[in-house]
Amino acid sequence: MTPQDSAFEAYQPRSPEFRAAVDALRGMRQDLFHEAFAFRPLPRSTADGPLTRRLKGRAREYAAWSPHALITAVGLLAMYIATNDEARGAGSNMILGLLALAPVLLTMVRPVGAFWLSMAATPIATALATEFDDEWPWRTGSFVCHLAVLTIVAIRTRPRTAAWMWALTAFYGIGATIVAGGHAFGSNTAQMLFLSALVLFGVTVRHIRHDAEQEVTAQQTVTAHERSRRTLLEERTTIARELHDVVAHHMSVVAIQAEAAPYRVENPPPELERAFVTIRENAVAALTELRRVLGVVRAEDYEAPDAPQPTLADMDALLANVRDAGLSVDKAVTGAVRELPQGVELSAYRIVQEALSNTLRHAPGASARVEIGYVLGGLGLRIVNGPMPEPSLVKPSPGAGHGITGMRERVSMLNGEMTTAPADGGGYEVTVFLPVPMPSVSEPVPSASEPAPGAREGDA
């Protein structure tokens, strides 16, 4: 905050008019005084106009400098007009020309500074003239120069800056006319204010139209993006609904057939009955999970069932389930077992579930081992399966699914680390570390020599 801003804020506005006046003065200081002579070079034209678009080669490159050439031509015109004024000598005549040329050229690098230079050059050019006639307070060359500067600076800045420049021009012209006294009748202030008002009005309309076009273009871009995004979501919703219908139908058929199969066989062995029960339970569980995850796309007012999310405490049930499916799996837990954040518990459960499912699909008949390690910095998981026995009556599922990708996404979501590689002696290994924030000082951390209640080690 500048000292001037502090000074303005020191005064408490007593009325809306006072507040408006303070805001107006602050705006004028921001537009015309703050960094008035900052370097702001005029950029090259894009050369994409209706005429320049047809040019090729060097002609198209030269056309990009057309704004600079036009400003230079206007400055030379103002210089030519100024040198034709009757001055007090050849040297004064040359000074008049430079005073008309310099502000116009300065608009290409320091636009606001060019306005102040034109204002300062106006009384100097008037003082060098031999006669005033009706050229007061602007000589002909100064008139053209100042009008050109107002136009160029208004194009390069914004409408509010143009309004302040016109107001200061009017203040100077009216003040000079009053001070001159006898020259009031021949003042050209009215002509300057009228012409500059017309020019600045046209420039302001151009600015407003340009801003409106940019806003419309930006809104169209946002609308197109939202339309594309909505179309994509609709397509995904359609696919999800079809997936839900197809998978739910087939899983229902599997569950019904598994339930009815024992009754179609006379005196089925107990192992076969247990196998069909396991198939049905897995099918029903998959249906419940599918409806909970994908059912939300069926309707906007769909309410997900209040089913608890699985955690590491449900690991034994998961291992018993895969054992019933024919996978020999062991479990080992190290460290002080403690309750972890729900996201970590759920992700760890899903990672173990997916890794064991991959073993069932791609290495049927192989044994597996699940290792869970509780450490102060997080949770470690290691799921490794041995090689598939040879020969095997069950063939592995062909192709690769999205199991590894899903596990990586869960680990990445928790800022963890995951590695997958072939295990020594055959098989496959998945190693995961999920970071968990350290407990606060007020919460005692169980030591290694004093395991927490419920700690398990080497469960099988």
Protein backbone atom coordinates (compact mmCIF):
# COMPACT_ATOMS: atom_id res chain seq x y z
CA MET A 1 0.00 0.00 0.00
CA THR A 2 1.40 3.38 -0.99
CA PRO A 3 1.53 6.39 1.38
CA GLN A 4 -1.13 8.09 -0.77
CA ASP A 5 -3.50 5.16 -0.21
CA SER A 6 -2.92 5.41 3.54
CA ALA A 7 -3.66 9.12 3.39
CA PHE A 8 -6.92 8.51 1.54
CA GLU A 9 -7.97 5.83 4.00
CA ALA A 10 -7.22 8.18 6.90
CA TYR A 11 -10.28 10.21 5.95
CA GLN A 12 -13.58 8.64 6.89
CA PRO A 13 -16.13 9.32 4.14
CA ARG A 14 -18.99 11.39 5.44
CA SER A 15 -21.30 10.87 2.47
CA PRO A 16 -21.64 8.79 -0.71
CA GLU A 17 -20.52 11.82 -2.70
CA PHE A 18 -17.30 12.07 -0.70
CA ARG A 19 -16.66 8.37 -1.18
CA ALA A 20 -17.26 8.68 -4.93
CA ALA A 21 -14.83 11.63 -5.13
CA VAL A 22 -12.14 9.72 -3.24
CA ASP A 23 -12.59 6.68 -5.47
CA ALA A 24 -12.41 8.88 -8.56
CA LEU A 25 -9.17 10.51 -7.44
CA ARG A 26 -7.72 7.13 -6.60
CA GLY A 27 -8.68 5.88 -10.06
CA MET A 28 -7.06 8.89 -11.74
CA ARG A 29 -3.87 8.37 -9.75
CA GLN A 30 -3.83 4.70 -10.69
CA ASP A 31 -4.40 5.37 -14.41
CA LEU A 32 -2.31 8.48 -15.06
CA PHE A 33 0.27 8.80 -12.28
CA HIS A 34 1.17 5.30 -11.10
CA GLU A 35 3.98 4.05 -13.34
CA ALA A 36 3.09 6.68 -15.91
CA PHE A 37 6.37 6.17 -17.80
CA ALA A 38 6.42 2.37 -17.51
CA PHE A 39 7.82 0.58 -20.56
CA ARG A 40 4.91 -0.96 -22.48
CA PRO A 41 6.03 -1.66 -26.05
CA LEU A 42 3.39 -1.91 -28.74
CA PRO A 43 3.19 -5.56 -29.83
CA ARG A 44 3.29 -6.61 -33.45
CA SER A 45 0.05 -7.20 -35.26
CA THR A 46 -1.13 -10.76 -35.75
CA ALA A 47 -1.51 -10.09 -39.48
CA ASP A 48 -4.76 -12.04 -39.64
CA GLY A 49 -6.94 -9.28 -41.06
CA PRO A 50 -9.01 -9.68 -44.23
CA LEU A 51 -6.25 -8.10 -46.34
CA THR A 52 -3.07 -9.17 -44.57
CA ARG A 53 -4.33 -12.76 -44.48
CA ARG A 54 -3.88 -12.92 -48.24
CA LEU A 55 -0.25 -11.84 -48.09
CA LYS A 56 2.59 -14.35 -48.12
CA GLY A 57 6.26 -14.46 -47.26
CA ARG A 58 8.01 -11.22 -46.32
CA ALA A 59 5.01 -9.12 -47.20
CA ARG A 60 3.06 -10.87 -44.43
CA GLU A 61 5.93 -10.30 -41.97
CA TYR A 62 6.11 -6.61 -42.86
CA ALA A 63 2.34 -6.30 -42.44
CA ALA A 64 2.77 -7.21 -38.77
CA TRP A 65 4.53 -3.83 -38.31
CA SER A 66 1.66 -1.87 -39.85
CA PRO A 67 0.50 -0.30 -36.53
CA HIS A 68 3.99 1.03 -35.90
CA ALA A 69 4.24 2.39 -39.43
CA LEU A 70 0.84 4.08 -39.14
CA ILE A 71 1.77 5.78 -35.86
CA THR A 72 5.07 6.95 -37.35
CA ALA A 73 3.23 8.38 -40.36
CA VAL A 74 0.83 10.28 -38.09
CA GLY A 75 3.78 11.65 -36.12
CA LEU A 76 5.52 12.82 -39.29
CA LEU A 77 2.30 14.48 -40.42
CA ALA A 78 2.04 16.36 -37.13
CA MET A 79 5.70 17.35 -37.44
CA TYR A 80 5.16 18.64 -40.98
CA ILE A 81 2.17 20.72 -39.90
CA ALA A 82 4.06 22.09 -36.89
CA THR A 83 7.09 23.17 -38.95
CA ASN A 84 4.81 25.24 -41.18
CA ASP A 85 3.77 27.39 -38.21
CA GLU A 86 5.31 30.84 -38.02
CA ALA A 87 7.93 30.57 -35.29
CA ARG A 88 10.58 32.97 -34.06
CA GLY A 89 13.33 31.36 -36.12
CA ALA A 90 14.54 28.22 -37.87
CA GLY A 91 15.69 26.69 -34.59
CA SER A 92 12.33 27.34 -32.98
CA ASN A 93 10.63 25.90 -36.05
CA MET A 94 12.63 22.68 -35.67
CA ILE A 95 11.75 22.50 -31.99
CA LEU A 96 8.06 22.82 -32.86
CA GLY A 97 8.38 19.88 -35.22
CA LEU A 98 10.12 17.71 -32.61
CA LEU A 99 7.54 18.67 -29.98
CA ALA A 100 4.82 17.41 -32.33
CA LEU A 101 6.67 14.24 -33.35
CA ALA A 102 8.08 13.00 -30.03
CA PRO A 103 4.78 12.47 -28.13
CA VAL A 104 3.26 10.52 -31.02
CA LEU A 105 6.28 8.21 -31.30
CA LEU A 106 6.42 7.79 -27.53
CA THR A 107 2.94 6.22 -27.56
CA MET A 108 4.53 3.04 -28.97
CA VAL A 109 6.60 2.41 -25.83
CA ARG A 110 5.24 4.58 -22.98
CA PRO A 111 1.61 5.47 -23.77
CA VAL A 112 0.63 7.33 -20.58
CA GLY A 113 3.97 9.15 -20.54
CA ALA A 114 3.29 10.25 -24.13
CA PHE A 115 0.08 11.97 -22.94
CA TRP A 116 1.97 13.93 -20.29
CA LEU A 117 4.67 14.86 -22.81
CA SER A 118 2.01 16.15 -25.21
CA MET A 119 0.44 18.21 -22.42
CA ALA A 120 3.84 19.68 -21.54
CA ALA A 121 4.75 20.36 -25.18
CA THR A 122 1.53 22.30 -25.86
CA PRO A 123 2.38 25.50 -23.88
CA ILE A 124 6.00 25.37 -25.09
CA ALA A 125 4.88 25.29 -28.73
CA THR A 126 2.46 28.16 -28.04
CA ALA A 127 5.22 30.24 -26.48
CA LEU A 128 7.49 29.73 -29.52
CA ALA A 129 4.85 30.97 -31.98
CA THR A 130 4.83 34.56 -33.20
CA GLU A 131 1.06 34.92 -33.56
CA PHE A 132 -1.89 33.42 -31.72
CA ASP A 133 -4.91 34.28 -33.85
CA ASP A 134 -7.46 31.53 -33.28
CA GLU A 135 -4.81 28.92 -32.45
CA TRP A 136 -5.06 29.13 -28.68
CA PRO A 137 -4.13 27.27 -26.59
CA TRP A 138 -3.18 24.65 -29.24
CA ARG A 139 -1.14 25.51 -32.31
CA THR A 140 -2.05 23.54 -35.43
CA GLY A 141 0.80 21.07 -35.05
CA SER A 142 0.14 20.66 -31.32
CA PHE A 143 -3.57 20.20 -32.05
CA VAL A 144 -2.91 17.30 -34.43
CA CYS A 145 -0.27 15.86 -32.11
CA HIS A 146 -2.47 15.92 -28.99
CA LEU A 147 -5.51 14.53 -30.81
CA ALA A 148 -3.39 11.68 -32.19
CA VAL A 149 -1.89 10.96 -28.76
CA LEU A 150 -5.33 10.87 -27.14
CA THR A 151 -6.55 8.41 -29.77
CA ILE A 152 -3.54 6.07 -29.64
CA VAL A 153 -3.32 6.03 -25.84
CA ALA A 154 -7.07 5.39 -25.57
CA ILE A 155 -6.69 2.41 -27.92
CA ARG A 156 -3.78 1.03 -25.93
CA THR A 157 -5.31 1.51 -22.46
CA ARG A 158 -8.90 1.35 -21.24
CA PRO A 159 -11.97 3.63 -21.37
CA ARG A 160 -11.47 5.01 -17.86
CA THR A 161 -7.96 6.21 -18.74
CA ALA A 162 -9.36 7.87 -21.88
CA ALA A 163 -11.99 9.65 -19.79
CA TRP A 164 -9.35 11.02 -17.40
CA MET A 165 -7.18 12.22 -20.31
CA TRP A 166 -10.14 14.04 -21.84
CA ALA A 167 -11.01 15.61 -18.48
CA LEU A 168 -7.44 16.90 -17.98
CA THR A 169 -7.39 18.19 -21.56
CA ALA A 170 -10.61 20.10 -20.89
CA PHE A 171 -9.20 21.44 -17.62
CA TYR A 172 -6.08 22.69 -19.38
CA GLY A 173 -7.95 24.16 -22.35
CA ILE A 174 -10.54 26.01 -20.26
CA GLY A 175 -7.90 27.19 -17.79
CA ALA A 176 -5.63 28.46 -20.55
CA THR A 177 -8.55 30.26 -22.19
CA ILE A 178 -9.48 31.99 -18.92
CA VAL A 179 -5.89 33.00 -18.20
CA ALA A 180 -5.41 34.34 -21.76
CA GLY A 181 -8.30 36.76 -21.37
CA GLY A 182 -8.10 38.61 -24.67
CA HIS A 183 -7.68 35.40 -26.64
CA ALA A 184 -10.81 33.80 -25.27
CA PHE A 185 -12.75 34.63 -28.42
CA GLY A 186 -10.29 32.75 -30.62
CA SER A 187 -9.87 29.70 -28.39
CA ASN A 188 -9.85 26.30 -30.12
CA THR A 189 -10.59 24.43 -26.89
CA ALA A 190 -14.15 23.68 -28.01
CA GLN A 191 -12.91 22.13 -31.25
CA MET A 192 -10.36 20.01 -29.36
CA LEU A 193 -12.90 18.78 -26.83
CA PHE A 194 -15.54 18.04 -29.45
CA LEU A 195 -13.25 16.15 -31.82
CA SER A 196 -11.48 14.25 -29.03
CA ALA A 197 -14.84 13.33 -27.48
CA LEU A 198 -16.00 11.86 -30.80
CA VAL A 199 -12.76 9.93 -31.26
CA LEU A 200 -12.66 8.66 -27.68
CA PHE A 201 -16.31 7.66 -27.86
CA GLY A 202 -15.58 5.58 -30.95
CA VAL A 203 -12.54 4.00 -29.26
CA THR A 204 -14.60 3.24 -26.15
CA VAL A 205 -17.29 1.56 -28.22
CA ARG A 206 -14.57 -0.49 -29.89
CA HIS A 207 -13.20 -1.51 -26.49
CA ILE A 208 -16.64 -2.49 -25.22
CA ARG A 209 -17.36 -4.51 -28.35
CA HIS A 210 -13.98 -6.23 -28.17
CA ASP A 211 -14.48 -7.11 -24.50
CA ALA A 212 -17.97 -8.39 -25.24
CA GLU A 213 -16.65 -10.58 -28.07
CA GLN A 214 -13.95 -11.97 -25.80
CA GLU A 215 -16.50 -12.67 -23.07
CA VAL A 216 -18.82 -14.39 -25.55
CA THR A 217 -15.93 -16.45 -26.92
CA ALA A 218 -14.85 -17.45 -23.43
CA GLN A 219 -18.44 -18.31 -22.51
CA GLN A 220 -18.80 -20.37 -25.67
CA THR A 221 -15.58 -22.20 -24.84
CA VAL A 222 -16.79 -22.93 -21.32
CA THR A 223 -20.18 -23.99 -22.65
CA ALA A 224 -18.58 -26.31 -25.21
CA HIS A 225 -16.36 -27.79 -22.51
CA GLU A 226 -19.31 -28.32 -20.19
CA ARG A 227 -21.34 -29.80 -23.03
CA SER A 228 -18.50 -32.17 -23.87
CA ARG A 229 -18.08 -33.07 -20.22
CA ARG A 230 -21.82 -33.63 -19.82
CA THR A 231 -21.87 -35.81 -22.93
CA LEU A 232 -18.97 -37.83 -21.56
CA LEU A 233 -20.71 -38.25 -18.21
CA GLU A 234 -23.91 -39.28 -19.95
CA GLU A 235 -22.00 -41.87 -21.96
CA ARG A 236 -20.32 -43.16 -18.83
CA THR A 237 -23.67 -43.28 -17.07
CA THR A 238 -25.16 -45.25 -19.95
CA ILE A 239 -22.25 -47.69 -19.91
CA ALA A 240 -22.48 -48.02 -16.12
CA ARG A 241 -26.20 -48.74 -16.33
CA GLU A 242 -25.67 -51.36 -19.03
CA LEU A 243 -22.83 -52.88 -17.01
CA HIS A 244 -25.02 -52.97 -13.95
CA ASP A 245 -27.86 -54.65 -15.84
CA VAL A 246 -25.69 -57.24 -17.58
CA VAL A 247 -23.51 -58.17 -14.62
CA ALA A 248 -26.40 -58.14 -12.17
CA HIS A 249 -28.40 -60.45 -14.45
CA HIS A 250 -25.62 -62.97 -14.87
CA MET A 251 -24.65 -62.92 -11.21
CA SER A 252 -28.29 -63.50 -10.28
CA VAL A 253 -28.41 -66.46 -12.61
CA VAL A 254 -25.20 -67.82 -11.04
CA ALA A 255 -26.63 -67.44 -7.53
CA ILE A 256 -29.92 -69.15 -8.46
CA GLN A 257 -28.23 -72.03 -10.25
CA ALA A 258 -25.76 -72.53 -7.39
CA GLU A 259 -28.64 -72.71 -4.93
CA ALA A 260 -30.64 -75.16 -7.07
CA ALA A 261 -27.72 -77.33 -8.21
CA PRO A 262 -27.52 -79.61 -5.10
CA TYR A 263 -31.19 -80.54 -5.50
CA ARG A 264 -30.61 -81.72 -9.05
CA VAL A 265 -27.99 -84.29 -8.00
CA GLU A 266 -28.99 -87.35 -6.02
CA ASN A 267 -27.02 -87.66 -2.78
CA PRO A 268 -24.45 -84.95 -3.55
CA PRO A 269 -21.24 -85.18 -1.53
CA PRO A 270 -20.81 -82.62 1.29
CA GLU A 271 -17.83 -81.05 -0.49
CA LEU A 272 -19.98 -80.32 -3.52
CA GLU A 273 -22.72 -78.80 -1.38
CA ARG A 274 -20.22 -76.55 0.38
CA ALA A 275 -18.79 -75.50 -2.98
CA PHE A 276 -22.22 -74.50 -4.27
CA VAL A 277 -22.96 -72.63 -1.03
CA THR A 278 -19.70 -70.73 -1.40
CA ILE A 279 -20.51 -69.90 -5.02
CA ARG A 280 -23.93 -68.60 -4.05
CA GLU A 281 -22.59 -66.53 -1.14
CA ASN A 282 -19.93 -64.97 -3.39
CA ALA A 283 -22.52 -64.23 -6.07
CA VAL A 284 -24.87 -62.59 -3.56
CA ALA A 285 -22.00 -60.58 -2.04
CA ALA A 286 -20.91 -59.45 -5.51
CA LEU A 287 -24.48 -58.41 -6.32
CA THR A 288 -24.71 -56.37 -3.12
CA GLU A 289 -21.39 -54.68 -3.82
CA LEU A 290 -22.37 -54.02 -7.44
CA ARG A 291 -25.67 -52.43 -6.46
CA ARG A 292 -23.96 -50.30 -3.85
CA VAL A 293 -21.28 -49.02 -6.24
CA LEU A 294 -23.14 -48.78 -9.56
CA GLY A 295 -26.73 -48.45 -8.41
CA VAL A 296 -26.31 -44.72 -7.87
CA VAL A 297 -26.52 -44.20 -11.65
CA ARG A 298 -29.95 -45.75 -11.87
CA ALA A 299 -31.76 -42.67 -10.57
CA GLU A 300 -30.99 -39.29 -9.09
CA ASP A 301 -32.85 -40.11 -5.87
CA TYR A 302 -31.03 -43.42 -5.38
CA GLU A 303 -29.97 -44.01 -1.79
CA ALA A 304 -27.04 -46.32 -1.18
CA PRO A 305 -27.69 -49.04 1.39
CA ASP A 306 -26.11 -48.52 4.78
CA ALA A 307 -23.69 -51.43 4.50
CA PRO A 308 -20.49 -51.22 6.57
CA GLN A 309 -17.26 -50.97 4.62
CA PRO A 310 -14.86 -53.89 5.08
CA THR A 311 -11.74 -53.35 7.20
CA LEU A 312 -8.67 -55.34 8.18
CA ALA A 313 -10.74 -56.88 10.97
CA ASP A 314 -12.66 -58.74 8.23
CA MET A 315 -9.48 -60.23 6.78
CA ASP A 316 -10.07 -63.65 8.32
CA ALA A 317 -13.46 -63.89 6.62
CA LEU A 318 -11.87 -62.93 3.30
CA LEU A 319 -9.15 -65.56 3.68
CA ALA A 320 -11.71 -68.20 4.64
CA ASN A 321 -13.67 -67.28 1.52
CA VAL A 322 -10.71 -67.73 -0.83
CA ARG A 323 -9.72 -70.97 0.94
CA ASP A 324 -13.18 -72.31 0.15
CA ALA A 325 -12.50 -71.38 -3.46
CA GLY A 326 -9.44 -73.63 -3.43
CA LEU A 327 -6.59 -71.22 -2.65
CA SER A 328 -4.19 -72.20 0.12
CA VAL A 329 -3.33 -68.97 1.88
CA ASP A 330 -1.48 -68.09 5.09
CA LYS A 331 -1.49 -64.84 7.02
CA ALA A 332 1.15 -63.20 9.20
CA VAL A 333 0.67 -60.02 11.23
CA THR A 334 3.59 -58.15 12.79
CA GLY A 335 3.67 -55.03 14.94
CA ALA A 336 1.17 -53.58 17.36
CA VAL A 337 -2.28 -53.90 15.84
CA ARG A 338 -4.18 -50.65 16.07
CA GLU A 339 -7.15 -48.97 14.46
CA LEU A 340 -6.19 -47.09 11.28
CA PRO A 341 -8.08 -44.43 9.32
CA GLN A 342 -11.09 -45.80 7.48
CA GLY A 343 -9.60 -45.03 4.05
CA VAL A 344 -6.42 -46.93 4.86
CA GLU A 345 -8.34 -49.91 6.28
CA LEU A 346 -10.64 -50.10 3.27
CA SER A 347 -7.83 -49.69 0.71
CA ALA A 348 -5.69 -52.32 2.44
CA TYR A 349 -8.59 -54.77 2.45
CA ARG A 350 -9.33 -54.13 -1.24
CA ILE A 351 -5.67 -54.49 -2.22
CA VAL A 352 -5.39 -57.88 -0.48
CA GLN A 353 -8.73 -58.94 -1.98
CA GLU A 354 -7.63 -57.99 -5.51
CA ALA A 355 -4.21 -59.61 -5.15
CA LEU A 356 -5.75 -62.90 -4.01
CA SER A 357 -8.33 -62.71 -6.80
CA ASN A 358 -5.50 -62.30 -9.30
CA THR A 359 -3.85 -65.40 -7.82
CA LEU A 360 -7.05 -67.38 -8.25
CA ARG A 361 -7.44 -66.24 -11.85
CA HIS A 362 -3.87 -66.31 -13.13
CA ALA A 363 -2.20 -68.93 -10.91
CA PRO A 364 -4.83 -71.55 -10.05
CA GLY A 365 -3.54 -74.18 -7.65
CA ALA A 366 -0.73 -71.96 -6.31
CA SER A 367 -0.41 -71.12 -2.62
CA ALA A 368 -0.34 -67.56 -1.30
CA ARG A 369 0.79 -65.68 1.75
CA VAL A 370 -0.48 -62.38 3.15
CA GLU A 371 1.80 -60.35 5.42
CA ILE A 372 0.51 -57.30 7.29
CA GLY A 373 2.95 -55.11 9.16
CA TYR A 374 1.94 -52.34 11.56
CA VAL A 375 4.68 -49.72 11.95
CA LEU A 376 4.70 -46.22 13.41
CA GLY A 377 4.75 -44.57 10.00
CA GLY A 378 1.99 -46.58 8.36
CA LEU A 379 0.91 -50.00 7.21
CA GLY A 380 2.88 -52.49 5.13
CA LEU A 381 1.34 -55.20 2.97
CA ARG A 382 3.00 -58.06 1.11
CA ILE A 383 0.99 -60.55 -0.88
CA VAL A 384 3.03 -63.24 -2.60
CA ASN A 385 1.95 -66.38 -4.40
CA GLY A 386 4.03 -69.34 -5.41
CA PRO A 387 4.34 -70.85 -8.88
CA MET A 388 1.43 -72.67 -10.43
CA PRO A 389 1.86 -76.45 -10.10
CA GLU A 390 2.53 -78.51 -13.18
CA PRO A 391 0.52 -80.17 -14.51
CA SER A 392 -2.63 -78.27 -13.51
CA LEU A 393 -6.18 -79.27 -14.34
CA VAL A 394 -7.36 -75.64 -14.15
CA LYS A 395 -6.05 -73.27 -16.79
CA PRO A 396 -5.25 -69.63 -15.90
CA SER A 397 -7.55 -66.90 -17.17
CA PRO A 398 -6.23 -65.35 -20.40
CA GLY A 399 -5.44 -61.66 -20.70
CA ALA A 400 -4.79 -58.97 -18.13
CA GLY A 401 -7.49 -57.11 -16.29
CA HIS A 402 -7.43 -53.85 -14.37
CA GLY A 403 -6.58 -55.28 -10.95
CA ILE A 404 -3.04 -53.91 -10.74
CA THR A 405 -4.22 -50.53 -12.07
CA GLY A 406 -6.94 -50.37 -9.44
CA MET A 407 -4.48 -51.20 -6.67
CA ARG A 408 -2.09 -48.49 -7.89
CA GLU A 409 -4.89 -45.94 -7.93
CA ARG A 410 -5.80 -46.74 -4.33
CA VAL A 411 -2.16 -46.53 -3.23
CA SER A 412 -1.62 -43.27 -5.12
CA MET A 413 -4.74 -41.77 -3.54
CA LEU A 414 -3.19 -42.33 -0.11
CA ASN A 415 0.30 -41.13 -1.21
CA GLY A 416 1.68 -44.62 -0.68
CA GLU A 417 4.16 -46.79 -2.53
CA MET A 418 3.59 -50.01 -4.43
CA THR A 419 5.85 -52.44 -6.25
CA THR A 420 4.95 -55.53 -8.23
CA ALA A 421 7.47 -58.05 -9.51
CA PRO A 422 7.96 -61.77 -10.08
CA ALA A 423 8.83 -63.53 -6.82
CA ASP A 424 11.99 -65.52 -6.24
CA GLY A 425 11.50 -69.11 -7.32
CA GLY A 426 8.43 -68.31 -9.39
CA GLY A 427 5.08 -66.73 -8.67
CA TYR A 428 4.32 -63.06 -8.15
CA GLU A 429 4.71 -60.51 -5.36
CA VAL A 430 2.86 -57.31 -4.51
CA THR A 431 4.37 -55.01 -1.89
CA VAL A 432 2.52 -51.94 -0.62
CA PHE A 433 3.19 -49.28 1.99
CA LEU A 434 0.37 -46.97 3.07
CA PRO A 435 1.51 -44.00 5.18
CA VAL A 436 -0.45 -43.13 8.31
CA PRO A 437 0.07 -39.86 10.26
CA MET A 438 1.95 -40.27 13.51
CA PRO A 439 -0.23 -40.20 16.64
CA SER A 440 -0.20 -37.05 18.73
CA VAL A 441 1.97 -36.72 21.84
CA SER A 442 -1.06 -37.03 24.11
CA GLU A 443 -1.79 -40.48 22.70
CA PRO A 444 0.57 -43.15 24.16
CA VAL A 445 2.24 -45.32 21.56
CA PRO A 446 2.55 -49.01 22.56
CA SER A 447 6.13 -50.17 22.75
CA ALA A 448 7.47 -53.21 20.93
CA SER A 449 7.96 -55.04 24.24
CA GLU A 450 4.34 -54.40 25.23
CA PRO A 451 2.11 -55.37 22.31
CA ALA A 452 -1.38 -53.98 22.29
CA PRO A 453 -4.27 -56.27 23.17
CA GLY A 454 -5.46 -58.29 20.21
CA ALA A 455 -2.06 -58.37 18.50
CA ARG A 456 -1.72 -61.29 16.18
CA GLU A 457 1.44 -62.82 14.83
CA GLY A 458 1.85 -65.72 12.51
CA ASP A 459 -1.86 -66.50 12.14
CA ALA A 460 -2.58 -69.18 9.62
